[in-house]
Amino acid sequence: LAEDEDVGVRHGMAQDINTPIAVLQKLASDENGWVRGEAYKTLEIL
């Protein structure tokens, strides 16, 4: 799902503090800046 074609799915995962760290790290290198930014914020919160 971290590779889903829909940016909204990836963004939703990146925002969720229950998303496992390894998945958030994958999302932190997403091609979409919006997703990357949310993943970084969530990783920072955690």
ModelCIF file with pLDDT and N, C-alpha, C, O atoms, coordinates in Angstrom:
data_MODEL
#
_entry.id   MODEL 
#
_entity.id                         1 
_entity.type                       polymer 
_entity.pdbx_number_of_molecules   1 
#
_entity_poly.entity_id                      1 
_entity_poly.type                           'polypeptide(L)' 
_entity_poly.nstd_linkage                   no 
_entity_poly.nstd_monomer                   no 
_entity_poly.pdbx_seq_one_letter_code       LAEDEDVGVRHGMAQDINTPIAVLQKLASDENGWVRGEAYKTLEIL 
_entity_poly.pdbx_seq_one_letter_code_can   LAEDEDVGVRHGMAQDINTPIAVLQKLASDENGWVRGEAYKTLEIL 
_entity_poly.pdbx_strand_id                 A 
#
loop_
_entity_poly_seq.entity_id 
_entity_poly_seq.num 
_entity_poly_seq.mon_id 
_entity_poly_seq.hetero 
1 1  LEU n 
1 2  ALA n 
1 3  GLU n 
1 4  ASP n 
1 5  GLU n 
1 6  ASP n 
1 7  VAL n 
1 8  GLY n 
1 9  VAL n 
1 10 ARG n 
1 11 HIS n 
1 12 GLY n 
1 13 MET n 
1 14 ALA n 
1 15 GLN n 
1 16 ASP n 
1 17 ILE n 
1 18 ASN n 
1 19 THR n 
1 20 PRO n 
1 21 ILE n 
1 22 ALA n 
1 23 VAL n 
1 24 LEU n 
1 25 GLN n 
1 26 LYS n 
1 27 LEU n 
1 28 ALA n 
1 29 SER n 
1 30 ASP n 
1 31 GLU n 
1 32 ASN n 
1 33 GLY n 
1 34 TRP n 
1 35 VAL n 
1 36 ARG n 
1 37 GLY n 
1 38 GLU n 
1 39 ALA n 
1 40 TYR n 
1 41 LYS n 
1 42 THR n 
1 43 LEU n 
1 44 GLU n 
1 45 ILE n 
1 46 LEU n 
#
_struct_asym.id          A 
_struct_asym.entity_id   1 
#
loop_
_ma_qa_metric.id 
_ma_qa_metric.mode 
_ma_qa_metric.name 
_ma_qa_metric.software_group_id 
_ma_qa_metric.type 
1 global pLDDT . pLDDT 
2 local  pLDDT . pLDDT 
#
_ma_qa_metric_global.metric_id      1 
_ma_qa_metric_global.metric_value   97.11 
_ma_qa_metric_global.model_id       1 
_ma_qa_metric_global.ordinal_id     1 
#
loop_
_ma_qa_metric_local.label_asym_id 
_ma_qa_metric_local.label_comp_id 
_ma_qa_metric_local.label_seq_id 
_ma_qa_metric_local.metric_id 
_ma_qa_metric_local.metric_value 
_ma_qa_metric_local.model_id 
_ma_qa_metric_local.ordinal_id 
A LEU 1  2 98.00 1 1  
A ALA 2  2 98.00 1 2  
A GLU 3  2 98.00 1 3  
A ASP 4  2 98.00 1 4  
A GLU 5  2 97.00 1 5  
A ASP 6  2 98.00 1 6  
A VAL 7  2 98.00 1 7  
A GLY 8  2 97.00 1 8  
A VAL 9  2 98.00 1 9  
A ARG 10 2 98.00 1 10 
A HIS 11 2 97.00 1 11 
A GLY 12 2 96.00 1 12 
A MET 13 2 97.00 1 13 
A ALA 14 2 98.00 1 14 
A GLN 15 2 96.00 1 15 
A ASP 16 2 96.00 1 16 
A ILE 17 2 94.00 1 17 
A ASN 18 2 94.00 1 18 
A THR 19 2 96.00 1 19 
A PRO 20 2 96.00 1 20 
A ILE 21 2 96.00 1 21 
A ALA 22 2 97.00 1 22 
A VAL 23 2 98.00 1 23 
A LEU 24 2 98.00 1 24 
A GLN 25 2 98.00 1 25 
A LYS 26 2 98.00 1 26 
A LEU 27 2 98.00 1 27 
A ALA 28 2 98.00 1 28 
A SER 29 2 98.00 1 29 
A ASP 30 2 98.00 1 30 
A GLU 31 2 97.00 1 31 
A ASN 32 2 98.00 1 32 
A GLY 33 2 97.00 1 33 
A TRP 34 2 97.00 1 34 
A VAL 35 2 98.00 1 35 
A ARG 36 2 98.00 1 36 
A GLY 37 2 98.00 1 37 
A GLU 38 2 98.00 1 38 
A ALA 39 2 98.00 1 39 
A TYR 40 2 97.00 1 40 
A LYS 41 2 97.00 1 41 
A THR 42 2 97.00 1 42 
A LEU 43 2 97.00 1 43 
A GLU 44 2 96.00 1 44 
A ILE 45 2 95.00 1 45 
A LEU 46 2 94.00 1 46 
#
loop_
_atom_site.group_PDB 
_atom_site.id 
_atom_site.type_symbol 
_atom_site.label_atom_id 
_atom_site.label_alt_id 
_atom_site.label_comp_id 
_atom_site.label_asym_id 
_atom_site.label_entity_id 
_atom_site.label_seq_id 
_atom_site.pdbx_PDB_ins_code 
_atom_site.Cartn_x 
_atom_site.Cartn_y 
_atom_site.Cartn_z 
_atom_site.occupancy 
_atom_site.B_iso_or_equiv 
_atom_site.pdbx_formal_charge 
_atom_site.auth_seq_id 
_atom_site.auth_comp_id 
_atom_site.auth_asym_id 
_atom_site.auth_atom_id 
_atom_site.pdbx_PDB_model_num 
ATOM 1   N N  . LEU A 1 1  ? 0.824  -1.207 0.000  1.00 98.00 ? 1  LEU A N  1 
ATOM 2   C CA . LEU A 1 1  ? 0.000  0.000  0.000  1.00 98.00 ? 1  LEU A CA 1 
ATOM 3   C C  . LEU A 1 1  ? 0.863  1.264  0.000  1.00 98.00 ? 1  LEU A C  1 
ATOM 4   O O  . LEU A 1 1  ? 0.427  2.311  -0.478 1.00 98.00 ? 1  LEU A O  1 
ATOM 5   N N  . ALA A 1 2  ? 2.070  1.171  0.528  1.00 98.00 ? 2  ALA A N  1 
ATOM 6   C CA . ALA A 1 2  ? 2.991  2.313  0.525  1.00 98.00 ? 2  ALA A CA 1 
ATOM 7   C C  . ALA A 1 2  ? 3.441  2.652  -0.896 1.00 98.00 ? 2  ALA A C  1 
ATOM 8   O O  . ALA A 1 2  ? 4.072  3.685  -1.121 1.00 98.00 ? 2  ALA A O  1 
ATOM 9   N N  . GLU A 1 3  ? 3.118  1.785  -1.849 1.00 98.00 ? 3  GLU A N  1 
ATOM 10  C CA . GLU A 1 3  ? 3.416  2.030  -3.261 1.00 98.00 ? 3  GLU A CA 1 
ATOM 11  C C  . GLU A 1 3  ? 2.134  2.208  -4.073 1.00 98.00 ? 3  GLU A C  1 
ATOM 12  O O  . GLU A 1 3  ? 2.167  2.162  -5.303 1.00 98.00 ? 3  GLU A O  1 
ATOM 13  N N  . ASP A 1 4  ? 1.014  2.410  -3.395 1.00 98.00 ? 4  ASP A N  1 
ATOM 14  C CA . ASP A 1 4  ? -0.269 2.556  -4.078 1.00 98.00 ? 4  ASP A CA 1 
ATOM 15  C C  . ASP A 1 4  ? -0.192 3.691  -5.101 1.00 98.00 ? 4  ASP A C  1 
ATOM 16  O O  . ASP A 1 4  ? 0.460  4.708  -4.868 1.00 98.00 ? 4  ASP A O  1 
ATOM 17  N N  . GLU A 1 5  ? -0.857 3.503  -6.218 1.00 97.00 ? 5  GLU A N  1 
ATOM 18  C CA . GLU A 1 5  ? -0.838 4.527  -7.275 1.00 97.00 ? 5  GLU A CA 1 
ATOM 19  C C  . GLU A 1 5  ? -1.547 5.807  -6.862 1.00 97.00 ? 5  GLU A C  1 
ATOM 20  O O  . GLU A 1 5  ? -1.292 6.869  -7.431 1.00 97.00 ? 5  GLU A O  1 
ATOM 21  N N  . ASP A 1 6  ? -2.428 5.716  -5.885 1.00 98.00 ? 6  ASP A N  1 
ATOM 22  C CA . ASP A 1 6  ? -3.190 6.878  -5.428 1.00 98.00 ? 6  ASP A CA 1 
ATOM 23  C C  . ASP A 1 6  ? -2.420 7.588  -4.310 1.00 98.00 ? 6  ASP A C  1 
ATOM 24  O O  . ASP A 1 6  ? -2.186 7.018  -3.245 1.00 98.00 ? 6  ASP A O  1 
ATOM 25  N N  . VAL A 1 7  ? -2.036 8.821  -4.566 1.00 98.00 ? 7  VAL A N  1 
ATOM 26  C CA . VAL A 1 7  ? -1.274 9.595  -3.588 1.00 98.00 ? 7  VAL A CA 1 
ATOM 27  C C  . VAL A 1 7  ? -2.052 9.758  -2.281 1.00 98.00 ? 7  VAL A C  1 
ATOM 28  O O  . VAL A 1 7  ? -1.447 9.868  -1.214 1.00 98.00 ? 7  VAL A O  1 
ATOM 29  N N  . GLY A 1 8  ? -3.382 9.774  -2.354 1.00 97.00 ? 8  GLY A N  1 
ATOM 30  C CA . GLY A 1 8  ? -4.199 9.908  -1.144 1.00 97.00 ? 8  GLY A CA 1 
ATOM 31  C C  . GLY A 1 8  ? -4.034 8.740  -0.197 1.00 97.00 ? 8  GLY A C  1 
ATOM 32  O O  . GLY A 1 8  ? -4.076 8.918  1.020  1.00 97.00 ? 8  GLY A O  1 
ATOM 33  N N  . VAL A 1 9  ? -3.848 7.547  -0.735 1.00 98.00 ? 9  VAL A N  1 
ATOM 34  C CA . VAL A 1 9  ? -3.626 6.361  0.103  1.00 98.00 ? 9  VAL A CA 1 
ATOM 35  C C  . VAL A 1 9  ? -2.280 6.486  0.802  1.00 98.00 ? 9  VAL A C  1 
ATOM 36  O O  . VAL A 1 9  ? -2.177 6.281  2.012  1.00 98.00 ? 9  VAL A O  1 
ATOM 37  N N  . ARG A 1 10 ? -1.259 6.820  0.039  1.00 98.00 ? 10 ARG A N  1 
ATOM 38  C CA . ARG A 1 10 ? 0.081  6.949  0.615  1.00 98.00 ? 10 ARG A CA 1 
ATOM 39  C C  . ARG A 1 10 ? 0.127  8.078  1.639  1.00 98.00 ? 10 ARG A C  1 
ATOM 40  O O  . ARG A 1 10 ? 0.771  7.951  2.680  1.00 98.00 ? 10 ARG A O  1 
ATOM 41  N N  . HIS A 1 11 ? -0.555 9.179  1.345  1.00 97.00 ? 11 HIS A N  1 
ATOM 42  C CA . HIS A 1 11 ? -0.598 10.313 2.276  1.00 97.00 ? 11 HIS A CA 1 
ATOM 43  C C  . HIS A 1 11 ? -1.313 9.927  3.567  1.00 97.00 ? 11 HIS A C  1 
ATOM 44  O O  . HIS A 1 11 ? -0.861 10.272 4.659  1.00 97.00 ? 11 HIS A O  1 
ATOM 45  N N  . GLY A 1 12 ? -2.434 9.210  3.441  1.00 96.00 ? 12 GLY A N  1 
ATOM 46  C CA . GLY A 1 12 ? -3.163 8.753  4.627  1.00 96.00 ? 12 GLY A CA 1 
ATOM 47  C C  . GLY A 1 12 ? -2.296 7.884  5.524  1.00 96.00 ? 12 GLY A C  1 
ATOM 48  O O  . GLY A 1 12 ? -2.343 7.997  6.748  1.00 96.00 ? 12 GLY A O  1 
ATOM 49  N N  . MET A 1 13 ? -1.509 7.020  4.909  1.00 97.00 ? 13 MET A N  1 
ATOM 50  C CA . MET A 1 13 ? -0.608 6.163  5.677  1.00 97.00 ? 13 MET A CA 1 
ATOM 51  C C  . MET A 1 13 ? 0.494  6.988  6.341  1.00 97.00 ? 13 MET A C  1 
ATOM 52  O O  . MET A 1 13 ? 0.864  6.743  7.489  1.00 97.00 ? 13 MET A O  1 
ATOM 53  N N  . ALA A 1 14 ? 1.010  7.967  5.600  1.00 98.00 ? 14 ALA A N  1 
ATOM 54  C CA . ALA A 1 14 ? 2.100  8.796  6.114  1.00 98.00 ? 14 ALA A CA 1 
ATOM 55  C C  . ALA A 1 14 ? 1.663  9.615  7.323  1.00 98.00 ? 14 ALA A C  1 
ATOM 56  O O  . ALA A 1 14 ? 2.493  9.938  8.172  1.00 98.00 ? 14 ALA A O  1 
ATOM 57  N N  . GLN A 1 15 ? 0.395  9.954  7.420  1.00 96.00 ? 15 GLN A N  1 
ATOM 58  C CA . GLN A 1 15 ? -0.133 10.751 8.531  1.00 96.00 ? 15 GLN A CA 1 
ATOM 59  C C  . GLN A 1 15 ? -0.417 9.930  9.783  1.00 96.00 ? 15 GLN A C  1 
ATOM 60  O O  . GLN A 1 15 ? -0.528 10.488 10.874 1.00 96.00 ? 15 GLN A O  1 
ATOM 61  N N  . ASP A 1 16 ? -0.534 8.630  9.640  1.00 96.00 ? 16 ASP A N  1 
ATOM 62  C CA . ASP A 1 16 ? -0.999 7.765  10.720 1.00 96.00 ? 16 ASP A CA 1 
ATOM 63  C C  . ASP A 1 16 ? 0.154  7.373  11.645 1.00 96.00 ? 16 ASP A C  1 
ATOM 64  O O  . ASP A 1 16 ? 1.097  6.710  11.214 1.00 96.00 ? 16 ASP A O  1 
ATOM 65  N N  . ILE A 1 17 ? 0.080  7.775  12.905 1.00 94.00 ? 17 ILE A N  1 
ATOM 66  C CA . ILE A 1 17 ? 1.160  7.447  13.845 1.00 94.00 ? 17 ILE A CA 1 
ATOM 67  C C  . ILE A 1 17 ? 1.210  5.950  14.165 1.00 94.00 ? 17 ILE A C  1 
ATOM 68  O O  . ILE A 1 17 ? 2.166  5.486  14.787 1.00 94.00 ? 17 ILE A O  1 
ATOM 69  N N  . ASN A 1 18 ? 0.205  5.200  13.754 1.00 94.00 ? 18 ASN A N  1 
ATOM 70  C CA . ASN A 1 18 ? 0.217  3.753  13.958 1.00 94.00 ? 18 ASN A CA 1 
ATOM 71  C C  . ASN A 1 18 ? 0.872  3.004  12.805 1.00 94.00 ? 18 ASN A C  1 
ATOM 72  O O  . ASN A 1 18 ? 1.050  1.788  12.875 1.00 94.00 ? 18 ASN A O  1 
ATOM 73  N N  . THR A 1 19 ? 1.230  3.720  11.752 1.00 96.00 ? 19 THR A N  1 
ATOM 74  C CA . THR A 1 19 ? 1.936  3.089  10.639 1.00 96.00 ? 19 THR A CA 1 
ATOM 75  C C  . THR A 1 19 ? 3.321  2.682  11.135 1.00 96.00 ? 19 THR A C  1 
ATOM 76  O O  . THR A 1 19 ? 4.019  3.494  11.743 1.00 96.00 ? 19 THR A O  1 
ATOM 77  N N  . PRO A 1 20 ? 3.728  1.436  10.884 1.00 96.00 ? 20 PRO A N  1 
ATOM 78  C CA . PRO A 1 20 ? 5.046  0.989  11.344 1.00 96.00 ? 20 PRO A CA 1 
ATOM 79  C C  . PRO A 1 20 ? 6.185  1.875  10.812 1.00 96.00 ? 20 PRO A C  1 
ATOM 80  O O  . PRO A 1 20 ? 6.102  2.416  9.709  1.00 96.00 ? 20 PRO A O  1 
ATOM 81  N N  . ILE A 1 21 ? 7.230  2.009  11.605 1.00 96.00 ? 21 ILE A N  1 
ATOM 82  C CA . ILE A 1 21 ? 8.378  2.853  11.264 1.00 96.00 ? 21 ILE A CA 1 
ATOM 83  C C  . ILE A 1 21 ? 8.947  2.494  9.889  1.00 96.00 ? 21 ILE A C  1 
ATOM 84  O O  . ILE A 1 21 ? 9.236  3.386  9.091  1.00 96.00 ? 21 ILE A O  1 
ATOM 85  N N  . ALA A 1 22 ? 9.109  1.209  9.605  1.00 97.00 ? 22 ALA A N  1 
ATOM 86  C CA . ALA A 1 22 ? 9.692  0.791  8.323  1.00 97.00 ? 22 ALA A CA 1 
ATOM 87  C C  . ALA A 1 22 ? 8.849  1.283  7.149  1.00 97.00 ? 22 ALA A C  1 
ATOM 88  O O  . ALA A 1 22 ? 9.390  1.659  6.109  1.00 97.00 ? 22 ALA A O  1 
ATOM 89  N N  . VAL A 1 23 ? 7.533  1.282  7.310  1.00 98.00 ? 23 VAL A N  1 
ATOM 90  C CA . VAL A 1 23 ? 6.642  1.759  6.247  1.00 98.00 ? 23 VAL A CA 1 
ATOM 91  C C  . VAL A 1 23 ? 6.750  3.272  6.135  1.00 98.00 ? 23 VAL A C  1 
ATOM 92  O O  . VAL A 1 23 ? 6.778  3.811  5.029  1.00 98.00 ? 23 VAL A O  1 
ATOM 93  N N  . LEU A 1 24 ? 6.812  3.966  7.277  1.00 98.00 ? 24 LEU A N  1 
ATOM 94  C CA . LEU A 1 24 ? 6.982  5.424  7.256  1.00 98.00 ? 24 LEU A CA 1 
ATOM 95  C C  . LEU A 1 24 ? 8.306  5.812  6.606  1.00 98.00 ? 24 LEU A C  1 
ATOM 96  O O  . LEU A 1 24 ? 8.380  6.801  5.876  1.00 98.00 ? 24 LEU A O  1 
ATOM 97  N N  . GLN A 1 25 ? 9.335  5.041  6.868  1.00 98.00 ? 25 GLN A N  1 
ATOM 98  C CA . GLN A 1 25 ? 10.636 5.327  6.250  1.00 98.00 ? 25 GLN A CA 1 
ATOM 99  C C  . GLN A 1 25 ? 10.554 5.159  4.732  1.00 98.00 ? 25 GLN A C  1 
ATOM 100 O O  . GLN A 1 25 ? 11.150 5.929  3.978  1.00 98.00 ? 25 GLN A O  1 
ATOM 101 N N  . LYS A 1 26 ? 9.816  4.152  4.301  1.00 98.00 ? 26 LYS A N  1 
ATOM 102 C CA . LYS A 1 26 ? 9.611  3.967  2.859  1.00 98.00 ? 26 LYS A CA 1 
ATOM 103 C C  . LYS A 1 26 ? 8.856  5.164  2.283  1.00 98.00 ? 26 LYS A C  1 
ATOM 104 O O  . LYS A 1 26 ? 9.210  5.681  1.223  1.00 98.00 ? 26 LYS A O  1 
ATOM 105 N N  . LEU A 1 27 ? 7.815  5.598  2.990  1.00 98.00 ? 27 LEU A N  1 
ATOM 106 C CA . LEU A 1 27 ? 7.020  6.744  2.540  1.00 98.00 ? 27 LEU A CA 1 
ATOM 107 C C  . LEU A 1 27 ? 7.836  8.039  2.573  1.00 98.00 ? 27 LEU A C  1 
ATOM 108 O O  . LEU A 1 27 ? 7.555  8.968  1.817  1.00 98.00 ? 27 LEU A O  1 
ATOM 109 N N  . ALA A 1 28 ? 8.830  8.101  3.436  1.00 98.00 ? 28 ALA A N  1 
ATOM 110 C CA . ALA A 1 28 ? 9.682  9.294  3.523  1.00 98.00 ? 28 ALA A CA 1 
ATOM 111 C C  . ALA A 1 28 ? 10.557 9.463  2.282  1.00 98.00 ? 28 ALA A C  1 
ATOM 112 O O  . ALA A 1 28 ? 11.175 10.511 2.093  1.00 98.00 ? 28 ALA A O  1 
ATOM 113 N N  . SER A 1 29 ? 10.608 8.441  1.445  1.00 98.00 ? 29 SER A N  1 
ATOM 114 C CA . SER A 1 29 ? 11.345 8.562  0.183  1.00 98.00 ? 29 SER A CA 1 
ATOM 115 C C  . SER A 1 29 ? 10.389 8.505  -1.011 1.00 98.00 ? 29 SER A C  1 
ATOM 116 O O  . SER A 1 29 ? 10.807 8.225  -2.135 1.00 98.00 ? 29 SER A O  1 
ATOM 117 N N  . ASP A 1 30 ? 9.115  8.771  -0.763 1.00 98.00 ? 30 ASP A N  1 
ATOM 118 C CA . ASP A 1 30 ? 8.097  8.761  -1.818 1.00 98.00 ? 30 ASP A CA 1 
ATOM 119 C C  . ASP A 1 30 ? 8.402  9.827  -2.866 1.00 98.00 ? 30 ASP A C  1 
ATOM 120 O O  . ASP A 1 30 ? 9.002  10.857 -2.560 1.00 98.00 ? 30 ASP A O  1 
ATOM 121 N N  . GLU A 1 31 ? 7.987  9.574  -4.087 1.00 97.00 ? 31 GLU A N  1 
ATOM 122 C CA . GLU A 1 31 ? 8.211  10.544 -5.175 1.00 97.00 ? 31 GLU A CA 1 
ATOM 123 C C  . GLU A 1 31 ? 7.402  11.823 -4.978 1.00 97.00 ? 31 GLU A C  1 
ATOM 124 O O  . GLU A 1 31 ? 7.751  12.871 -5.522 1.00 97.00 ? 31 GLU A O  1 
ATOM 125 N N  . ASN A 1 32 ? 6.324  11.740 -4.203 1.00 98.00 ? 32 ASN A N  1 
ATOM 126 C CA . ASN A 1 32 ? 5.458  12.886 -3.975 1.00 98.00 ? 32 ASN A CA 1 
ATOM 127 C C  . ASN A 1 32 ? 5.897  13.636 -2.709 1.00 98.00 ? 32 ASN A C  1 
ATOM 128 O O  . ASN A 1 32 ? 5.988  13.047 -1.632 1.00 98.00 ? 32 ASN A O  1 
ATOM 129 N N  . GLY A 1 33 ? 6.162  14.917 -2.847 1.00 97.00 ? 33 GLY A N  1 
ATOM 130 C CA . GLY A 1 33 ? 6.617  15.725 -1.720 1.00 97.00 ? 33 GLY A CA 1 
ATOM 131 C C  . GLY A 1 33 ? 5.625  15.814 -0.583 1.00 97.00 ? 33 GLY A C  1 
ATOM 132 O O  . GLY A 1 33 ? 6.015  15.880 0.582  1.00 97.00 ? 33 GLY A O  1 
ATOM 133 N N  . TRP A 1 34 ? 4.351  15.817 -0.910 1.00 97.00 ? 34 TRP A N  1 
ATOM 134 C CA . TRP A 1 34 ? 3.285  15.882 0.102  1.00 97.00 ? 34 TRP A CA 1 
ATOM 135 C C  . TRP A 1 34 ? 3.349  14.646 0.994  1.00 97.00 ? 34 TRP A C  1 
ATOM 136 O O  . TRP A 1 34 ? 3.244  14.745 2.217  1.00 97.00 ? 34 TRP A O  1 
ATOM 137 N N  . VAL A 1 35 ? 3.522  13.493 0.375  1.00 98.00 ? 35 VAL A N  1 
ATOM 138 C CA . VAL A 1 35 ? 3.630  12.229 1.119  1.00 98.00 ? 35 VAL A CA 1 
ATOM 139 C C  . VAL A 1 35 ? 4.919  12.216 1.933  1.00 98.00 ? 35 VAL A C  1 
ATOM 140 O O  . VAL A 1 35 ? 4.911  11.887 3.119  1.00 98.00 ? 35 VAL A O  1 
ATOM 141 N N  . ARG A 1 36 ? 6.026  12.575 1.287  1.00 98.00 ? 36 ARG A N  1 
ATOM 142 C CA . ARG A 1 36 ? 7.333  12.615 1.979  1.00 98.00 ? 36 ARG A CA 1 
ATOM 143 C C  . ARG A 1 36 ? 7.267  13.496 3.216  1.00 98.00 ? 36 ARG A C  1 
ATOM 144 O O  . ARG A 1 36 ? 7.716  13.111 4.296  1.00 98.00 ? 36 ARG A O  1 
ATOM 145 N N  . GLY A 1 37 ? 6.698  14.686 3.043  1.00 98.00 ? 37 GLY A N  1 
ATOM 146 C CA . GLY A 1 37 ? 6.604  15.635 4.154  1.00 98.00 ? 37 GLY A CA 1 
ATOM 147 C C  . GLY A 1 37 ? 5.809  15.087 5.325  1.00 98.00 ? 37 GLY A C  1 
ATOM 148 O O  . GLY A 1 37 ? 6.215  15.229 6.479  1.00 98.00 ? 37 GLY A O  1 
ATOM 149 N N  . GLU A 1 38 ? 4.682  14.465 5.030  1.00 98.00 ? 38 GLU A N  1 
ATOM 150 C CA . GLU A 1 38 ? 3.859  13.883 6.109  1.00 98.00 ? 38 GLU A CA 1 
ATOM 151 C C  . GLU A 1 38 ? 4.586  12.735 6.793  1.00 98.00 ? 38 GLU A C  1 
ATOM 152 O O  . GLU A 1 38 ? 4.523  12.592 8.014  1.00 98.00 ? 38 GLU A O  1 
ATOM 153 N N  . ALA A 1 39 ? 5.271  11.921 6.008  1.00 98.00 ? 39 ALA A N  1 
ATOM 154 C CA . ALA A 1 39 ? 6.016  10.801 6.593  1.00 98.00 ? 39 ALA A CA 1 
ATOM 155 C C  . ALA A 1 39 ? 7.105  11.332 7.529  1.00 98.00 ? 39 ALA A C  1 
ATOM 156 O O  . ALA A 1 39 ? 7.294  10.808 8.626  1.00 98.00 ? 39 ALA A O  1 
ATOM 157 N N  . TYR A 1 40 ? 7.814  12.366 7.094  1.00 97.00 ? 40 TYR A N  1 
ATOM 158 C CA . TYR A 1 40 ? 8.852  12.971 7.948  1.00 97.00 ? 40 TYR A CA 1 
ATOM 159 C C  . TYR A 1 40 ? 8.244  13.526 9.232  1.00 97.00 ? 40 TYR A C  1 
ATOM 160 O O  . TYR A 1 40 ? 8.790  13.327 10.317 1.00 97.00 ? 40 TYR A O  1 
ATOM 161 N N  . LYS A 1 41 ? 7.111  14.224 9.110  1.00 97.00 ? 41 LYS A N  1 
ATOM 162 C CA . LYS A 1 41 ? 6.453  14.782 10.308 1.00 97.00 ? 41 LYS A CA 1 
ATOM 163 C C  . LYS A 1 41 ? 6.055  13.673 11.274 1.00 97.00 ? 41 LYS A C  1 
ATOM 164 O O  . LYS A 1 41 ? 6.258  13.792 12.482 1.00 97.00 ? 41 LYS A O  1 
ATOM 165 N N  . THR A 1 42 ? 5.491  12.598 10.740 1.00 97.00 ? 42 THR A N  1 
ATOM 166 C CA . THR A 1 42 ? 5.050  11.496 11.598 1.00 97.00 ? 42 THR A CA 1 
ATOM 167 C C  . THR A 1 42 ? 6.242  10.817 12.246 1.00 97.00 ? 42 THR A C  1 
ATOM 168 O O  . THR A 1 42 ? 6.197  10.480 13.429 1.00 97.00 ? 42 THR A O  1 
ATOM 169 N N  . LEU A 1 43 ? 7.305  10.613 11.484 1.00 97.00 ? 43 LEU A N  1 
ATOM 170 C CA . LEU A 1 43 ? 8.516  10.028 12.064 1.00 97.00 ? 43 LEU A CA 1 
ATOM 171 C C  . LEU A 1 43 ? 9.081  10.924 13.167 1.00 97.00 ? 43 LEU A C  1 
ATOM 172 O O  . LEU A 1 43 ? 9.554  10.431 14.191 1.00 97.00 ? 43 LEU A O  1 
ATOM 173 N N  . GLU A 1 44 ? 9.032  12.240 12.955 1.00 96.00 ? 44 GLU A N  1 
ATOM 174 C CA . GLU A 1 44 ? 9.520  13.182 13.959 1.00 96.00 ? 44 GLU A CA 1 
ATOM 175 C C  . GLU A 1 44 ? 8.665  13.109 15.233 1.00 96.00 ? 44 GLU A C  1 
ATOM 176 O O  . GLU A 1 44 ? 9.192  13.113 16.346 1.00 96.00 ? 44 GLU A O  1 
ATOM 177 N N  . ILE A 1 45 ? 7.357  13.043 15.054 1.00 95.00 ? 45 ILE A N  1 
ATOM 178 C CA . ILE A 1 45 ? 6.452  12.919 16.216 1.00 95.00 ? 45 ILE A CA 1 
ATOM 179 C C  . ILE A 1 45 ? 6.780  11.657 16.996 1.00 95.00 ? 45 ILE A C  1 
ATOM 180 O O  . ILE A 1 45 ? 6.881  11.685 18.222 1.00 95.00 ? 45 ILE A O  1 
ATOM 181 N N  . LEU A 1 46 ? 6.946  10.549 16.282 1.00 94.00 ? 46 LEU A N  1 
ATOM 182 C CA . LEU A 1 46 ? 7.236  9.278  16.945 1.00 94.00 ? 46 LEU A CA 1 
ATOM 183 C C  . LEU A 1 46 ? 8.596  9.302  17.630 1.00 94.00 ? 46 LEU A C  1 
ATOM 184 O O  . LEU A 1 46 ? 8.998  8.310  18.238 1.00 94.00 ? 46 LEU A O  1 
#
